[in-house]
């Protein structure tokens, strides 16, 4: 197996684990997205990129629920230095 293939598989595994953790957290918050998936972008240069966690489409009420859950968490975490980087 080539190193780039191994890196690609690791990145897909990382994205699948992140997808599963996110889907479970959303489920515990009472939010269900119809499709949470992992996709691997195709790069023109053939380099191994990161796999992407795709949330899929959701209705306006689900989007509002998600925003409310995030806002509550942001208020709880304010001042605790919980920022983990940009999306």
PDB file of N, CA and C in Angstrom:
ATOM      1  N   UNK A   1       0.850  -1.180   0.000  1.00  0.00           N
ATOM      2  CA  UNK A   1       0.000   0.000   0.000  1.00  0.00           C
ATOM      3  C   UNK A   1       0.891   1.238   0.000  1.00  0.00           C
ATOM      4  N   UNK A   2       0.590   2.176  -0.857  1.00  0.00           N
ATOM      5  CA  UNK A   2       1.364   3.410  -0.928  1.00  0.00           C
ATOM      6  C   UNK A   2       1.067   4.260   0.295  1.00  0.00           C
ATOM      7  N   UNK A   3       2.063   5.112   0.666  1.00  0.00           N
ATOM      8  CA  UNK A   3       1.883   6.003   1.811  1.00  0.00           C
ATOM      9  C   UNK A   3       0.668   6.901   1.642  1.00  0.00           C
ATOM     10  N   UNK A   4       0.446   7.411   0.433  1.00  0.00           N
ATOM     11  CA  UNK A   4      -0.699   8.304   0.211  1.00  0.00           C
ATOM     12  C   UNK A   4      -2.018   7.568   0.396  1.00  0.00           C
ATOM     13  N   UNK A   5      -2.063   6.274   0.035  1.00  0.00           N
ATOM     14  CA  UNK A   5      -3.273   5.477   0.254  1.00  0.00           C
ATOM     15  C   UNK A   5      -3.534   5.306   1.751  1.00  0.00           C
ATOM     16  N   UNK A   6      -2.456   5.064   2.497  1.00  0.00           N
ATOM     17  CA  UNK A   6      -2.578   4.877   3.936  1.00  0.00           C
ATOM     18  C   UNK A   6      -3.034   6.177   4.608  1.00  0.00           C
ATOM     19  N   UNK A   7      -2.479   7.298   4.191  1.00  0.00           N
ATOM     20  CA  UNK A   7      -2.893   8.599   4.727  1.00  0.00           C
ATOM     21  C   UNK A   7      -4.359   8.840   4.405  1.00  0.00           C
ATOM     22  N   UNK A   8      -4.760   8.532   3.173  1.00  0.00           N
ATOM     23  CA  UNK A   8      -6.149   8.698   2.769  1.00  0.00           C
ATOM     24  C   UNK A   8      -7.088   7.874   3.635  1.00  0.00           C
ATOM     25  N   UNK A   9      -6.734   6.635   3.893  1.00  0.00           N
ATOM     26  CA  UNK A   9      -7.561   5.769   4.730  1.00  0.00           C
ATOM     27  C   UNK A   9      -7.644   6.299   6.153  1.00  0.00           C
ATOM     28  N   UNK A  10      -6.531   6.827   6.674  1.00  0.00           N
ATOM     29  CA  UNK A  10      -6.538   7.401   8.021  1.00  0.00           C
ATOM     30  C   UNK A  10      -7.461   8.617   8.082  1.00  0.00           C
ATOM     31  N   UNK A  11      -7.409   9.443   7.058  1.00  0.00           N
ATOM     32  CA  UNK A  11      -8.241  10.642   7.039  1.00  0.00           C
ATOM     33  C   UNK A  11      -9.716  10.298   6.903  1.00  0.00           C
ATOM     34  N   UNK A  12     -10.025   9.272   6.133  1.00  0.00           N
ATOM     35  CA  UNK A  12     -11.413   8.828   6.024  1.00  0.00           C
ATOM     36  C   UNK A  12     -11.878   8.283   7.382  1.00  0.00           C
ATOM     37  N   UNK A  13     -11.035   7.497   8.020  1.00  0.00           N
ATOM     38  CA  UNK A  13     -11.375   6.974   9.351  1.00  0.00           C
ATOM     39  C   UNK A  13     -11.599   8.092  10.361  1.00  0.00           C
ATOM     40  N   UNK A  14     -10.753   9.119  10.301  1.00  0.00           N
ATOM     41  CA  UNK A  14     -10.902  10.273  11.189  1.00  0.00           C
ATOM     42  C   UNK A  14     -12.238  10.976  10.935  1.00  0.00           C
ATOM     43  N   UNK A  15     -12.586  11.154   9.669  1.00  0.00           N
ATOM     44  CA  UNK A  15     -13.841  11.817   9.317  1.00  0.00           C
ATOM     45  C   UNK A  15     -15.032  10.965   9.739  1.00  0.00           C
ATOM     46  N   UNK A  16     -14.949   9.643   9.594  1.00  0.00           N
ATOM     47  CA  UNK A  16     -16.047   8.766  10.005  1.00  0.00           C
ATOM     48  C   UNK A  16     -16.251   8.828  11.515  1.00  0.00           C
ATOM     49  N   UNK A  17     -15.150   8.857  12.269  1.00  0.00           N
ATOM     50  CA  UNK A  17     -15.260   8.960  13.727  1.00  0.00           C
ATOM     51  C   UNK A  17     -15.865  10.305  14.127  1.00  0.00           C
ATOM     52  N   UNK A  18     -15.457  11.374  13.443  1.00  0.00           N
ATOM     53  CA  UNK A  18     -16.013  12.699  13.721  1.00  0.00           C
ATOM     54  C   UNK A  18     -17.491  12.740  13.373  1.00  0.00           C
ATOM     55  N   UNK A  19     -17.855  12.143  12.243  1.00  0.00           N
ATOM     56  CA  UNK A  19     -19.266  12.069  11.834  1.00  0.00           C
ATOM     57  C   UNK A  19     -20.094  11.357  12.889  1.00  0.00           C
ATOM     58  N   UNK A  20     -19.594  10.232  13.372  1.00  0.00           N
ATOM     59  CA  UNK A  20     -20.336   9.454  14.360  1.00  0.00           C
ATOM     60  C   UNK A  20     -20.488  10.234  15.670  1.00  0.00           C
ATOM     61  N   UNK A  21     -19.428  10.905  16.096  1.00  0.00           N
ATOM     62  CA  UNK A  21     -19.485  11.697  17.330  1.00  0.00           C
ATOM     63  C   UNK A  21     -20.472  12.852  17.178  1.00  0.00           C
ATOM     64  N   UNK A  22     -20.445  13.511  16.042  1.00  0.00           N
ATOM     65  CA  UNK A  22     -21.355  14.628  15.794  1.00  0.00           C
ATOM     66  C   UNK A  22     -22.802  14.148  15.734  1.00  0.00           C
ATOM     67  N   UNK A  23     -23.052  13.068  15.023  1.00  0.00           N
ATOM     68  CA  UNK A  23     -24.411  12.538  14.917  1.00  0.00           C
ATOM     69  C   UNK A  23     -24.942  12.145  16.287  1.00  0.00           C
ATOM     70  N   UNK A  24     -24.107  11.556  17.125  1.00  0.00           N
ATOM     71  CA  UNK A  24     -24.527  11.160  18.470  1.00  0.00           C
ATOM     72  C   UNK A  24     -24.807  12.386  19.340  1.00  0.00           C
ATOM     73  N   UNK A  25     -23.952  13.395  19.262  1.00  0.00           N
ATOM     74  CA  UNK A  25     -24.173  14.626  20.030  1.00  0.00           C
ATOM     75  C   UNK A  25     -25.464  15.311  19.588  1.00  0.00           C
ATOM     76  N   UNK A  26     -25.701  15.357  18.292  1.00  0.00           N
ATOM     77  CA  UNK A  26     -26.943  15.945  17.782  1.00  0.00           C
ATOM     78  C   UNK A  26     -28.149  15.147  18.263  1.00  0.00           C
ATOM     79  N   UNK A  27     -28.035  13.830  18.226  1.00  0.00           N
ATOM     80  CA  UNK A  27     -29.135  12.974  18.676  1.00  0.00           C
ATOM     81  C   UNK A  27     -29.447  13.233  20.150  1.00  0.00           C
ATOM     82  N   UNK A  28     -28.406  13.337  20.991  1.00  0.00           N
ATOM     83  CA  UNK A  28     -28.613  13.607  22.422  1.00  0.00           C
ATOM     84  C   UNK A  28     -29.256  14.970  22.637  1.00  0.00           C
ATOM     85  N   UNK A  29     -28.982  15.911  21.732  1.00  0.00           N
ATOM     86  CA  UNK A  29     -29.570  17.250  21.823  1.00  0.00           C
ATOM     87  C   UNK A  29     -30.981  17.275  21.238  1.00  0.00           C
ATOM     88  N   UNK A  30     -31.435  16.146  20.703  1.00  0.00           N
ATOM     89  CA  UNK A  30     -32.774  16.064  20.142  1.00  0.00           C
ATOM     90  C   UNK A  30     -32.863  16.542  18.704  1.00  0.00           C
ATOM     91  N   UNK A  31     -31.732  16.596  18.014  1.00  0.00           N
ATOM     92  CA  UNK A  31     -31.701  17.075  16.629  1.00  0.00           C
ATOM     93  C   UNK A  31     -31.294  15.924  15.727  1.00  0.00           C
ATOM     94  N   UNK A  32     -32.065  15.742  14.676  1.00  0.00           N
ATOM     95  CA  UNK A  32     -31.742  14.656  13.739  1.00  0.00           C
ATOM     96  C   UNK A  32     -31.647  15.213  12.326  1.00  0.00           C
ATOM     97  N   UNK A  33     -30.460  15.082  11.765  1.00  0.00           N
ATOM     98  CA  UNK A  33     -30.255  15.435  10.364  1.00  0.00           C
ATOM     99  C   UNK A  33     -30.606  14.202   9.540  1.00  0.00           C
ATOM    100  N   UNK A  34     -31.244  14.393   8.386  1.00  0.00           N
ATOM    101  CA  UNK A  34     -31.616  13.237   7.580  1.00  0.00           C
ATOM    102  C   UNK A  34     -30.412  12.484   7.028  1.00  0.00           C
ATOM    103  N   UNK A  35     -29.321  13.176   6.819  1.00  0.00           N
ATOM    104  CA  UNK A  35     -28.130  12.503   6.256  1.00  0.00           C
ATOM    105  C   UNK A  35     -26.870  13.165   6.786  1.00  0.00           C
ATOM    106  N   UNK A  36     -26.099  12.393   7.535  1.00  0.00           N
ATOM    107  CA  UNK A  36     -24.766  12.829   7.947  1.00  0.00           C
ATOM    108  C   UNK A  36     -23.834  11.828   7.298  1.00  0.00           C
ATOM    109  N   UNK A  37     -22.938  12.326   6.451  1.00  0.00           N
ATOM    110  CA  UNK A  37     -22.163  11.444   5.587  1.00  0.00           C
ATOM    111  C   UNK A  37     -20.703  11.884   5.556  1.00  0.00           C
ATOM    112  N   UNK A  38     -19.870  11.048   4.976  1.00  0.00           N
ATOM    113  CA  UNK A  38     -18.459  11.375   4.745  1.00  0.00           C
ATOM    114  C   UNK A  38     -18.215  11.302   3.249  1.00  0.00           C
ATOM    115  N   UNK A  39     -17.571  12.317   2.740  1.00  0.00           N
ATOM    116  CA  UNK A  39     -17.213  12.351   1.317  1.00  0.00           C
ATOM    117  C   UNK A  39     -15.741  12.683   1.179  1.00  0.00           C
ATOM    118  N   UNK A  40     -15.154  12.103   0.169  1.00  0.00           N
ATOM    119  CA  UNK A  40     -13.745  12.399  -0.089  1.00  0.00           C
ATOM    120  C   UNK A  40     -13.638  13.267  -1.334  1.00  0.00           C
ATOM    121  N   UNK A  41     -13.089  14.460  -1.166  1.00  0.00           N
ATOM    122  CA  UNK A  41     -12.953  15.355  -2.318  1.00  0.00           C
ATOM    123  C   UNK A  41     -11.931  14.806  -3.311  1.00  0.00           C
ATOM    124  N   UNK A  42     -12.186  15.042  -4.570  1.00  0.00           N
ATOM    125  CA  UNK A  42     -11.254  14.635  -5.619  1.00  0.00           C
ATOM    126  C   UNK A  42     -10.365  15.832  -5.924  1.00  0.00           C
ATOM    127  N   UNK A  43      -9.067  15.639  -5.811  1.00  0.00           N
ATOM    128  CA  UNK A  43      -8.133  16.727  -6.078  1.00  0.00           C
ATOM    129  C   UNK A  43      -7.491  16.522  -7.438  1.00  0.00           C
ATOM    130  N   UNK A  44      -7.343  17.597  -8.152  1.00  0.00           N
ATOM    131  CA  UNK A  44      -6.774  17.545  -9.498  1.00  0.00           C
ATOM    132  C   UNK A  44      -5.333  17.067  -9.459  1.00  0.00           C
ATOM    133  N   UNK A  45      -4.590  17.472  -8.423  1.00  0.00           N
ATOM    134  CA  UNK A  45      -3.172  17.119  -8.355  1.00  0.00           C
ATOM    135  C   UNK A  45      -2.923  15.708  -7.826  1.00  0.00           C
ATOM    136  N   UNK A  46      -3.997  15.008  -7.446  1.00  0.00           N
ATOM    137  CA  UNK A  46      -3.858  13.631  -6.973  1.00  0.00           C
ATOM    138  C   UNK A  46      -3.413  13.515  -5.530  1.00  0.00           C
ATOM    139  N   UNK A  47      -3.186  14.643  -4.845  1.00  0.00           N
ATOM    140  CA  UNK A  47      -2.763  14.613  -3.450  1.00  0.00           C
ATOM    141  C   UNK A  47      -3.919  14.144  -2.564  1.00  0.00           C
ATOM    142  N   UNK A  48      -3.559  13.630  -1.405  1.00  0.00           N
ATOM    143  CA  UNK A  48      -4.567  13.166  -0.462  1.00  0.00           C
ATOM    144  C   UNK A  48      -5.073  14.349   0.341  1.00  0.00           C
ATOM    145  N   UNK A  49      -6.359  14.634   0.243  1.00  0.00           N
ATOM    146  CA  UNK A  49      -6.979  15.707   1.011  1.00  0.00           C
ATOM    147  C   UNK A  49      -7.740  15.133   2.181  1.00  0.00           C
ATOM    148  N   UNK A  50      -8.317  16.012   2.968  1.00  0.00           N
ATOM    149  CA  UNK A  50      -9.128  15.555   4.092  1.00  0.00           C
ATOM    150  C   UNK A  50     -10.504  15.127   3.605  1.00  0.00           C
ATOM    151  N   UNK A  51     -11.032  14.092   4.223  1.00  0.00           N
ATOM    152  CA  UNK A  51     -12.401  13.693   3.959  1.00  0.00           C
ATOM    153  C   UNK A  51     -13.304  14.703   4.652  1.00  0.00           C
ATOM    154  N   UNK A  52     -14.461  14.958   4.085  1.00  0.00           N
ATOM    155  CA  UNK A  52     -15.364  15.971   4.597  1.00  0.00           C
ATOM    156  C   UNK A  52     -16.586  15.321   5.241  1.00  0.00           C
ATOM    157  N   UNK A  53     -16.953  15.835   6.422  1.00  0.00           N
ATOM    158  CA  UNK A  53     -18.192  15.417   7.073  1.00  0.00           C
ATOM    159  C   UNK A  53     -19.285  16.312   6.514  1.00  0.00           C
ATOM    160  N   UNK A  54     -20.275  15.706   5.890  1.00  0.00           N
ATOM    161  CA  UNK A  54     -21.353  16.434   5.232  1.00  0.00           C
ATOM    162  C   UNK A  54     -22.628  16.254   6.053  1.00  0.00           C
ATOM    163  N   UNK A  55     -23.203  17.375   6.486  1.00  0.00           N
ATOM    164  CA  UNK A  55     -24.407  17.312   7.305  1.00  0.00           C
ATOM    165  C   UNK A  55     -25.664  17.112   6.480  1.00  0.00           C
ATOM    166  N   UNK A  56     -25.604  17.429   5.216  1.00  0.00           N
ATOM    167  CA  UNK A  56     -26.787  17.278   4.387  1.00  0.00           C
ATOM    168  C   UNK A  56     -27.757  18.414   4.606  1.00  0.00           C
ATOM    169  N   UNK A  57     -28.914  18.283   4.020  1.00  0.00           N
ATOM    170  CA  UNK A  57     -29.923  19.323   4.119  1.00  0.00           C
ATOM    171  C   UNK A  57     -30.777  19.106   5.353  1.00  0.00           C
ATOM    172  N   UNK A  58     -31.323  20.205   5.878  1.00  0.00           N
ATOM    173  CA  UNK A  58     -32.266  20.094   6.978  1.00  0.00           C
ATOM    174  C   UNK A  58     -33.322  21.177   6.820  1.00  0.00           C
ATOM    175  N   UNK A  59     -34.435  20.982   7.473  1.00  0.00           N
ATOM    176  CA  UNK A  59     -35.529  21.947   7.403  1.00  0.00           C
ATOM    177  C   UNK A  59     -35.184  23.183   8.240  1.00  0.00           C
ATOM    178  N   UNK A  60     -35.920  24.249   8.011  1.00  0.00           N
ATOM    179  CA  UNK A  60     -35.714  25.486   8.781  1.00  0.00           C
ATOM    180  C   UNK A  60     -35.911  25.247  10.281  1.00  0.00           C
ATOM    181  N   UNK A  61     -36.933  24.488  10.703  1.00  0.00           N
ATOM    182  CA  UNK A  61     -37.076  24.250  12.146  1.00  0.00           C
ATOM    183  C   UNK A  61     -35.879  23.514  12.748  1.00  0.00           C
ATOM    184  N   UNK A  62     -35.326  22.552  12.023  1.00  0.00           N
ATOM    185  CA  UNK A  62     -34.149  21.829  12.524  1.00  0.00           C
ATOM    186  C   UNK A  62     -32.956  22.773  12.594  1.00  0.00           C
ATOM    187  N   UNK A  63     -32.793  23.632  11.602  1.00  0.00           N
ATOM    188  CA  UNK A  63     -31.704  24.611  11.621  1.00  0.00           C
ATOM    189  C   UNK A  63     -31.845  25.540  12.818  1.00  0.00           C
ATOM    190  N   UNK A  64     -33.060  25.963  13.115  1.00  0.00           N
ATOM    191  CA  UNK A  64     -33.291  26.827  14.283  1.00  0.00           C
ATOM    192  C   UNK A  64     -32.968  26.088  15.580  1.00  0.00           C
ATOM    193  N   UNK A  65     -33.371  24.820  15.680  1.00  0.00           N
ATOM    194  CA  UNK A  65     -33.055  24.024  16.868  1.00  0.00           C
ATOM    195  C   UNK A  65     -31.546  23.895  17.045  1.00  0.00           C
ATOM    196  N   UNK A  66     -30.852  23.629  15.955  1.00  0.00           N
ATOM    197  CA  UNK A  66     -29.398  23.504  16.007  1.00  0.00           C
ATOM    198  C   UNK A  66     -28.768  24.818  16.454  1.00  0.00           C
ATOM    199  N   UNK A  67     -29.226  25.925  15.910  1.00  0.00           N
ATOM    200  CA  UNK A  67     -28.703  27.235  16.302  1.00  0.00           C
ATOM    201  C   UNK A  67     -28.926  27.486  17.789  1.00  0.00           C
ATOM    202  N   UNK A  68     -30.095  27.103  18.292  1.00  0.00           N
ATOM    203  CA  UNK A  68     -30.405  27.307  19.708  1.00  0.00           C
ATOM    204  C   UNK A  68     -29.491  26.473  20.604  1.00  0.00           C
ATOM    205  N   UNK A  69     -29.256  25.228  20.217  1.00  0.00           N
ATOM    206  CA  UNK A  69     -28.373  24.349  20.993  1.00  0.00           C
ATOM    207  C   UNK A  69     -26.953  24.916  20.996  1.00  0.00           C
ATOM    208  N   UNK A  70     -26.488  25.359  19.854  1.00  0.00           N
ATOM    209  CA  UNK A  70     -25.141  25.933  19.767  1.00  0.00           C
ATOM    210  C   UNK A  70     -25.060  27.196  20.619  1.00  0.00           C
ATOM    211  N   UNK A  71     -26.070  28.033  20.555  1.00  0.00           N
ATOM    212  CA  UNK A  71     -26.087  29.274  21.331  1.00  0.00           C
ATOM    213  C   UNK A  71     -26.050  28.981  22.831  1.00  0.00           C
ATOM    214  N   UNK A  72     -26.851  28.015  23.285  1.00  0.00           N
ATOM    215  CA  UNK A  72     -26.827  27.647  24.713  1.00  0.00           C
ATOM    216  C   UNK A  72     -25.441  27.178  25.123  1.00  0.00           C
ATOM    217  N   UNK A  73     -24.830  26.350  24.283  1.00  0.00           N
ATOM    218  CA  UNK A  73     -23.480  25.876  24.586  1.00  0.00           C
ATOM    219  C   UNK A  73     -22.465  27.003  24.586  1.00  0.00           C
ATOM    220  N   UNK A  74     -22.620  27.949  23.668  1.00  0.00           N
ATOM    221  CA  UNK A  74     -21.696  29.083  23.597  1.00  0.00           C
ATOM    222  C   UNK A  74     -21.820  29.947  24.850  1.00  0.00           C
ATOM    223  N   UNK A  75     -23.040  30.131  25.336  1.00  0.00           N
ATOM    224  CA  UNK A  75     -23.241  30.928  26.550  1.00  0.00           C
ATOM    225  C   UNK A  75     -22.634  30.233  27.757  1.00  0.00           C
ATOM    226  N   UNK A  76     -22.779  28.915  27.835  1.00  0.00           N
ATOM    227  CA  UNK A  76     -22.181  28.166  28.949  1.00  0.00           C
ATOM    228  C   UNK A  76     -20.667  28.215  28.893  1.00  0.00           C
ATOM    229  N   UNK A  77     -20.132  28.147  27.668  1.00  0.00           N
ATOM    230  CA  UNK A  77     -18.678  28.104  27.516  1.00  0.00           C
ATOM    231  C   UNK A  77     -18.012  29.472  27.483  1.00  0.00           C
ATOM    232  N   UNK A  78     -18.788  30.547  27.442  1.00  0.00           N
ATOM    233  CA  UNK A  78     -18.219  31.896  27.361  1.00  0.00           C
ATOM    234  C   UNK A  78     -17.277  32.131  28.536  1.00  0.00           C
ATOM    235  N   UNK A  79     -16.097  32.591  28.209  1.00  0.00           N
ATOM    236  CA  UNK A  79     -15.123  32.901  29.244  1.00  0.00           C
ATOM    237  C   UNK A  79     -14.324  31.711  29.731  1.00  0.00           C
ATOM    238  N   UNK A  80     -14.594  30.536  29.189  1.00  0.00           N
ATOM    239  CA  UNK A  80     -13.879  29.344  29.626  1.00  0.00           C
ATOM    240  C   UNK A  80     -12.762  28.952  28.679  1.00  0.00           C
ATOM    241  N   UNK A  81     -12.539  29.775  27.634  1.00  0.00           N
ATOM    242  CA  UNK A  81     -11.477  29.448  26.690  1.00  0.00           C
ATOM    243  C   UNK A  81     -11.724  28.169  25.941  1.00  0.00           C
ATOM    244  N   UNK A  82     -12.979  27.931  25.540  1.00  0.00           N
ATOM    245  CA  UNK A  82     -13.314  26.661  24.898  1.00  0.00           C
ATOM    246  C   UNK A  82     -13.226  26.714  23.379  1.00  0.00           C
ATOM    247  N   UNK A  83     -12.839  27.866  22.817  1.00  0.00           N
ATOM    248  CA  UNK A  83     -12.753  27.956  21.358  1.00  0.00           C
ATOM    249  C   UNK A  83     -11.739  26.972  20.816  1.00  0.00           C
ATOM    250  N   UNK A  84     -12.107  26.293  19.732  1.00  0.00           N
ATOM    251  CA  UNK A  84     -11.220  25.269  19.165  1.00  0.00           C
ATOM    252  C   UNK A  84     -10.880  25.544  17.720  1.00  0.00           C
ATOM    253  N   UNK A  85     -11.076  26.756  17.287  1.00  0.00           N
ATOM    254  CA  UNK A  85     -10.694  27.060  15.912  1.00  0.00           C
ATOM    255  C   UNK A  85     -11.896  27.339  15.028  1.00  0.00           C
ATOM    256  N   UNK A  86     -11.585  27.754  13.841  1.00  0.00           N
ATOM    257  CA  UNK A  86     -12.629  28.140  12.887  1.00  0.00           C
ATOM    258  C   UNK A  86     -13.227  26.922  12.206  1.00  0.00           C
ATOM    259  N   UNK A  87     -14.427  27.103  11.722  1.00  0.00           N
ATOM    260  CA  UNK A  87     -15.119  26.043  10.977  1.00  0.00           C
ATOM    261  C   UNK A  87     -14.799  26.219   9.521  1.00  0.00           C
TER     262      UNK A  87
END
